[in-house]
Amino acid sequence: QVQLVESGGGLVQAGGSLRLSCTPSRSIFGINAMNWYRQAPGKQRELVATVLDGGSTNYANSVKGRFTISRDNAKNTVYLQMNSLKPEDTANYYCNFQTHWGLNAWGQGTLVTVSS
């Protein structure tokens, strides 16, 4: 069973930056979508950003212009560069990989806390 491991979370002041990374426990072939989700306390999990195997990206309106998702296919790794962070970005951030052959893998989450 594949596990995804996130890193890069932490405490940052408003206006600061963090870079999240997500790598699987073993190599995966045929990854179609790499996604970042987040879940704030008392709220539903929401999709933050997606990067497809062709390189196209999509973002939630709340993070457009501030967050950048990228992927390294050779390393099966996805990144989320988060700039101009706001207190409302505070959440647990989860990576998710979906393959062409039906795998839907999740990470355990990494906590991002933005202080005002």
Protein backbone atom coordinates (compact mmCIF):
# COMPACT_ATOMS: atom_id res chain seq x y z
CA GLN A 1 0.00 0.00 0.00
CA VAL A 2 1.36 3.38 -0.97
CA GLN A 3 1.68 6.09 1.64
CA LEU A 4 2.23 9.75 0.90
CA VAL A 5 4.47 11.75 3.20
CA GLU A 6 4.01 15.51 3.50
CA SER A 7 6.55 17.91 4.93
CA GLY A 8 7.10 21.63 5.25
CA GLY A 9 4.28 22.69 7.51
CA GLY A 10 4.79 24.90 10.53
CA LEU A 11 4.06 28.21 12.20
CA VAL A 12 4.47 31.40 10.21
CA GLN A 13 3.39 35.01 10.61
CA ALA A 14 0.83 36.53 8.29
CA GLY A 15 2.48 37.62 5.07
CA GLY A 16 5.09 34.89 5.30
CA SER A 17 5.78 31.87 3.10
CA LEU A 18 6.00 28.12 3.39
CA ARG A 19 6.73 25.35 0.92
CA LEU A 20 5.04 21.99 1.30
CA SER A 21 6.34 18.80 -0.26
CA CYS A 22 4.74 15.39 -0.74
CA THR A 23 6.53 12.19 -1.72
CA PRO A 24 5.21 8.61 -1.87
CA SER A 25 6.72 5.74 0.12
CA ARG A 26 7.48 3.98 -3.16
CA SER A 27 7.55 4.92 -6.80
CA ILE A 28 4.17 5.19 -8.52
CA PHE A 29 3.59 5.02 -12.25
CA GLY A 30 0.80 6.64 -14.18
CA ILE A 31 0.03 9.52 -11.82
CA ASN A 32 -2.62 11.66 -13.43
CA ALA A 33 -3.49 14.28 -10.84
CA MET A 34 -1.53 15.51 -7.87
CA ASN A 35 -3.67 17.53 -5.49
CA TRP A 36 -3.37 19.54 -2.31
CA TYR A 37 -6.38 19.71 0.00
CA ARG A 38 -6.78 21.46 3.32
CA GLN A 39 -9.10 21.16 6.27
CA ALA A 40 -9.48 23.86 8.89
CA PRO A 41 -10.96 23.08 12.33
CA GLY A 42 -14.71 22.67 12.10
CA LYS A 43 -14.74 22.93 8.31
CA GLN A 44 -14.95 20.51 5.42
CA ARG A 45 -11.89 19.45 3.49
CA GLU A 46 -11.44 21.62 0.41
CA LEU A 47 -9.41 21.29 -2.76
CA VAL A 48 -6.67 23.91 -2.84
CA ALA A 49 -4.70 23.14 -6.00
CA THR A 50 -4.27 20.51 -8.71
CA VAL A 51 -1.52 19.79 -11.21
CA LEU A 52 -2.16 17.26 -13.98
CA ASP A 53 0.43 15.09 -15.71
CA GLY A 54 0.40 17.43 -18.69
CA GLY A 55 1.34 20.31 -16.43
CA SER A 56 -1.93 22.19 -16.33
CA THR A 57 -2.89 23.62 -12.95
CA ASN A 58 -6.02 24.73 -11.17
CA TYR A 59 -6.48 26.67 -7.93
CA ALA A 60 -9.19 27.52 -5.46
CA ASN A 61 -10.20 31.14 -5.79
CA SER A 62 -9.06 31.84 -2.23
CA VAL A 63 -5.42 31.02 -3.05
CA LYS A 64 -5.07 32.20 -6.66
CA GLY A 65 -2.08 34.48 -7.08
CA ARG A 66 -0.58 33.42 -3.75
CA PHE A 67 -0.03 29.65 -4.01
CA THR A 68 1.82 27.75 -6.71
CA ILE A 69 1.62 24.00 -7.24
CA SER A 70 4.34 22.14 -9.13
CA ARG A 71 5.42 18.55 -9.65
CA ASP A 72 8.63 16.65 -10.29
CA ASN A 73 7.60 13.55 -12.19
CA ALA A 74 11.02 11.93 -11.88
CA LYS A 75 10.72 12.09 -8.10
CA ASN A 76 6.94 11.53 -7.94
CA THR A 77 6.89 14.66 -5.79
CA VAL A 78 4.45 17.53 -5.63
CA TYR A 79 5.12 20.91 -4.06
CA LEU A 80 2.94 23.76 -2.86
CA GLN A 81 4.63 27.14 -2.58
CA MET A 82 2.49 29.33 -0.33
CA ASN A 83 3.19 33.06 -0.26
CA SER A 84 1.42 35.99 1.39
CA LEU A 85 -0.09 33.63 3.92
CA LYS A 86 -3.17 34.71 5.84
CA PRO A 87 -4.59 33.51 9.16
CA GLU A 88 -7.47 31.94 7.23
CA ASP A 89 -4.96 29.65 5.50
CA THR A 90 -4.46 27.88 8.83
CA ALA A 91 -5.35 24.20 8.32
CA ASN A 92 -4.08 20.70 7.96
CA TYR A 93 -2.83 20.30 4.39
CA TYR A 94 -3.12 16.91 2.69
CA CYS A 95 -1.64 15.70 -0.58
CA ASN A 96 -3.53 13.31 -2.84
CA PHE A 97 -2.37 11.34 -5.87
CA GLN A 98 -4.73 9.84 -8.43
CA THR A 99 -3.49 7.49 -11.11
CA HIS A 100 -4.86 6.45 -14.49
CA TRP A 101 -5.29 2.92 -13.13
CA GLY A 102 -7.42 3.77 -10.12
CA LEU A 103 -5.09 4.47 -7.20
CA ASN A 104 -6.30 7.24 -4.92
CA ALA A 105 -3.65 7.80 -2.23
CA TRP A 106 -3.63 10.29 0.66
CA GLY A 107 -1.06 11.65 3.02
CA GLN A 108 -1.42 12.01 6.78
CA GLY A 109 -1.43 15.79 6.63
CA THR A 110 0.89 18.58 7.69
CA LEU A 111 -0.26 21.44 9.88
CA VAL A 112 0.10 25.03 8.70
CA THR A 113 -0.56 27.73 11.28
CA VAL A 114 -0.56 31.39 10.29
CA SER A 115 -0.50 33.89 13.13
CA SER A 116 -1.88 37.41 12.81
